[in-house]
Amino acid sequence: MSSPQMPPWLQEQIMKLQQSQQNLQSIMTQRQHLEMEKAETEKALEELKKIADDDSVFKQAGTILIKSNKKH
C-alpha cells in the first residue's frame, strides 16, 4: 500500500515556507549580533564619558591598538 503523494503546488508551498523559515533564522541571528555590537558600543561610550579629555585612550586600527587622546 503506497502513501498518497502531495500535489506539486503543495510541495512548492512547503519549500517556500522552509526557505522563509531559514531566512527568518538568519535575520534573527544577524539581529542578535547587531544588538550585541550596539551594547558593546554603548558601554564603550559610557566609559569614555568617565575620563578626562586629555586622558589617553586606545583606538583599534585593524588588529593593532593606537594610543591617542580622547579629544582626537
N, C-alpha and C. Protein backbone atom coordinates (compact mmCIF):
# COMPACT_ATOMS: atom_id res chain seq x y z
N MET A 1 0.83 -1.17 0.00
CA MET A 1 0.00 0.00 0.00
C MET A 1 0.89 1.25 0.00
N SER A 2 0.69 2.12 -0.92
CA SER A 2 1.53 3.31 -1.02
C SER A 2 0.82 4.51 -0.42
N SER A 3 1.62 5.44 0.08
CA SER A 3 1.03 6.64 0.67
C SER A 3 0.72 7.64 -0.45
N PRO A 4 -0.34 8.40 -0.28
CA PRO A 4 -0.71 9.37 -1.31
C PRO A 4 0.34 10.49 -1.40
N GLN A 5 0.61 10.89 -2.62
CA GLN A 5 1.59 11.96 -2.83
C GLN A 5 0.92 13.31 -2.72
N MET A 6 1.74 14.27 -2.27
CA MET A 6 1.22 15.64 -2.19
C MET A 6 1.18 16.24 -3.58
N PRO A 7 0.22 17.08 -3.82
CA PRO A 7 0.18 17.76 -5.11
C PRO A 7 1.40 18.69 -5.25
N PRO A 8 1.85 18.90 -6.47
CA PRO A 8 3.04 19.75 -6.69
C PRO A 8 2.89 21.16 -6.11
N TRP A 9 1.71 21.73 -6.18
CA TRP A 9 1.55 23.09 -5.65
C TRP A 9 1.77 23.13 -4.15
N LEU A 10 1.39 22.04 -3.46
CA LEU A 10 1.57 21.98 -2.01
C LEU A 10 3.05 21.78 -1.68
N GLN A 11 3.73 20.95 -2.45
CA GLN A 11 5.16 20.75 -2.26
C GLN A 11 5.91 22.08 -2.44
N GLU A 12 5.49 22.84 -3.44
CA GLU A 12 6.11 24.14 -3.69
C GLU A 12 5.88 25.10 -2.52
N GLN A 13 4.68 25.09 -1.98
CA GLN A 13 4.36 25.96 -0.85
C GLN A 13 5.17 25.56 0.39
N ILE A 14 5.35 24.27 0.58
CA ILE A 14 6.15 23.79 1.71
C ILE A 14 7.60 24.23 1.56
N MET A 15 8.13 24.14 0.34
CA MET A 15 9.50 24.58 0.09
C MET A 15 9.65 26.08 0.35
N LYS A 16 8.67 26.86 -0.08
CA LYS A 16 8.70 28.31 0.16
C LYS A 16 8.67 28.60 1.66
N LEU A 17 7.86 27.86 2.39
CA LEU A 17 7.78 28.03 3.84
C LEU A 17 9.12 27.71 4.49
N GLN A 18 9.75 26.63 4.06
CA GLN A 18 11.04 26.25 4.63
C GLN A 18 12.10 27.30 4.33
N GLN A 19 12.09 27.86 3.12
CA GLN A 19 13.03 28.92 2.78
C GLN A 19 12.78 30.16 3.63
N SER A 20 11.52 30.48 3.84
CA SER A 20 11.18 31.63 4.68
C SER A 20 11.64 31.42 6.12
N GLN A 21 11.50 30.20 6.61
CA GLN A 21 11.96 29.89 7.96
C GLN A 21 13.47 30.04 8.07
N GLN A 22 14.20 29.58 7.05
CA GLN A 22 15.66 29.72 7.05
C GLN A 22 16.06 31.19 7.00
N ASN A 23 15.37 31.97 6.17
CA ASN A 23 15.65 33.41 6.08
C ASN A 23 15.39 34.09 7.42
N LEU A 24 14.30 33.74 8.06
CA LEU A 24 13.96 34.32 9.36
C LEU A 24 15.04 33.98 10.38
N GLN A 25 15.49 32.76 10.40
CA GLN A 25 16.53 32.35 11.35
C GLN A 25 17.81 33.15 11.11
N SER A 26 18.17 33.34 9.85
CA SER A 26 19.36 34.11 9.51
C SER A 26 19.22 35.56 9.97
N ILE A 27 18.06 36.15 9.73
CA ILE A 27 17.82 37.53 10.14
C ILE A 27 17.85 37.66 11.66
N MET A 28 17.29 36.70 12.36
CA MET A 28 17.30 36.74 13.82
C MET A 28 18.72 36.65 14.36
N THR A 29 19.55 35.83 13.74
CA THR A 29 20.95 35.71 14.14
C THR A 29 21.68 37.03 13.90
N GLN A 30 21.46 37.64 12.74
CA GLN A 30 22.08 38.92 12.43
C GLN A 30 21.64 40.00 13.42
N ARG A 31 20.36 40.00 13.74
CA ARG A 31 19.84 41.00 14.68
C ARG A 31 20.49 40.84 16.05
N GLN A 32 20.60 39.60 16.50
CA GLN A 32 21.23 39.34 17.80
C GLN A 32 22.67 39.84 17.80
N HIS A 33 23.39 39.59 16.71
CA HIS A 33 24.78 40.04 16.60
C HIS A 33 24.84 41.57 16.64
N LEU A 34 23.95 42.23 15.91
CA LEU A 34 23.94 43.70 15.89
C LEU A 34 23.57 44.27 17.26
N GLU A 35 22.66 43.64 17.96
CA GLU A 35 22.29 44.10 19.29
C GLU A 35 23.46 43.97 20.26
N MET A 36 24.24 42.91 20.12
CA MET A 36 25.43 42.74 20.96
C MET A 36 26.45 43.83 20.65
N GLU A 37 26.67 44.11 19.37
CA GLU A 37 27.60 45.17 18.99
C GLU A 37 27.14 46.52 19.52
N LYS A 38 25.84 46.78 19.43
CA LYS A 38 25.29 48.04 19.93
C LYS A 38 25.54 48.17 21.43
N ALA A 39 25.30 47.11 22.18
CA ALA A 39 25.51 47.13 23.63
C ALA A 39 26.98 47.39 23.95
N GLU A 40 27.89 46.76 23.21
CA GLU A 40 29.32 46.97 23.42
C GLU A 40 29.70 48.42 23.13
N THR A 41 29.15 48.98 22.06
CA THR A 41 29.45 50.37 21.69
C THR A 41 28.92 51.33 22.74
N GLU A 42 27.70 51.09 23.22
CA GLU A 42 27.13 51.94 24.26
C GLU A 42 27.95 51.88 25.54
N LYS A 43 28.44 50.70 25.89
CA LYS A 43 29.28 50.53 27.08
C LYS A 43 30.59 51.30 26.90
N ALA A 44 31.18 51.21 25.72
CA ALA A 44 32.43 51.94 25.45
C ALA A 44 32.21 53.44 25.55
N LEU A 45 31.11 53.94 25.01
CA LEU A 45 30.81 55.37 25.08
C LEU A 45 30.61 55.82 26.53
N GLU A 46 29.96 55.01 27.33
CA GLU A 46 29.78 55.34 28.75
C GLU A 46 31.13 55.43 29.45
N GLU A 47 32.03 54.50 29.14
CA GLU A 47 33.36 54.52 29.75
C GLU A 47 34.14 55.76 29.30
N LEU A 48 34.01 56.14 28.04
CA LEU A 48 34.71 57.33 27.54
C LEU A 48 34.20 58.61 28.21
N LYS A 49 32.94 58.63 28.56
CA LYS A 49 32.38 59.81 29.25
C LYS A 49 32.98 59.99 30.64
N LYS A 50 33.49 58.93 31.23
CA LYS A 50 34.01 58.97 32.59
C LYS A 50 35.43 59.54 32.67
N ILE A 51 36.14 59.58 31.56
CA ILE A 51 37.54 60.01 31.62
C ILE A 51 37.68 61.45 31.12
N ALA A 52 38.79 62.08 31.52
CA ALA A 52 39.06 63.46 31.12
C ALA A 52 39.43 63.51 29.64
N ASP A 53 39.22 64.70 29.04
CA ASP A 53 39.50 64.86 27.61
C ASP A 53 40.96 64.64 27.25
N ASP A 54 41.88 64.93 28.18
CA ASP A 54 43.30 64.78 27.84
C ASP A 54 43.87 63.42 28.26
N ASP A 55 43.04 62.54 28.78
CA ASP A 55 43.49 61.19 29.10
C ASP A 55 43.75 60.40 27.82
N SER A 56 44.64 59.43 27.95
CA SER A 56 44.96 58.59 26.80
C SER A 56 43.90 57.51 26.62
N VAL A 57 43.61 57.23 25.38
CA VAL A 57 42.73 56.12 25.02
C VAL A 57 43.42 55.35 23.90
N PHE A 58 42.91 54.20 23.59
CA PHE A 58 43.46 53.40 22.51
C PHE A 58 42.38 53.17 21.46
N LYS A 59 42.77 53.40 20.21
CA LYS A 59 41.86 53.18 19.08
C LYS A 59 42.32 51.95 18.32
N GLN A 60 41.37 51.18 17.88
CA GLN A 60 41.70 49.98 17.12
C GLN A 60 41.83 50.34 15.65
N ALA A 61 42.93 49.91 15.06
CA ALA A 61 43.15 50.06 13.62
C ALA A 61 43.53 48.69 13.09
N GLY A 62 42.57 48.00 12.57
CA GLY A 62 42.82 46.63 12.12
C GLY A 62 43.02 45.74 13.34
N THR A 63 44.19 45.13 13.42
CA THR A 63 44.47 44.24 14.54
C THR A 63 45.37 44.88 15.59
N ILE A 64 45.69 46.18 15.44
CA ILE A 64 46.55 46.85 16.41
C ILE A 64 45.78 47.96 17.13
N LEU A 65 46.32 48.36 18.29
CA LEU A 65 45.76 49.46 19.06
C LEU A 65 46.72 50.64 18.98
N ILE A 66 46.17 51.83 18.77
CA ILE A 66 46.97 53.05 18.65
C ILE A 66 46.60 53.97 19.80
N LYS A 67 47.64 54.44 20.52
CA LYS A 67 47.41 55.34 21.65
C LYS A 67 47.03 56.71 21.11
N SER A 68 46.03 57.32 21.72
CA SER A 68 45.54 58.62 21.27
C SER A 68 44.96 59.36 22.48
N ASN A 69 44.63 60.62 22.30
CA ASN A 69 43.91 61.37 23.33
C ASN A 69 42.43 61.25 23.05
N LYS A 70 41.64 61.43 24.08
CA LYS A 70 40.19 61.33 23.93
C LYS A 70 39.67 62.37 22.95
N LYS A 71 40.29 63.56 22.92
CA LYS A 71 39.83 64.66 22.05
C LYS A 71 39.87 64.29 20.57
N HIS A 72 40.82 63.50 20.16
CA HIS A 72 41.03 63.23 18.72
C HIS A 72 40.11 62.21 18.20
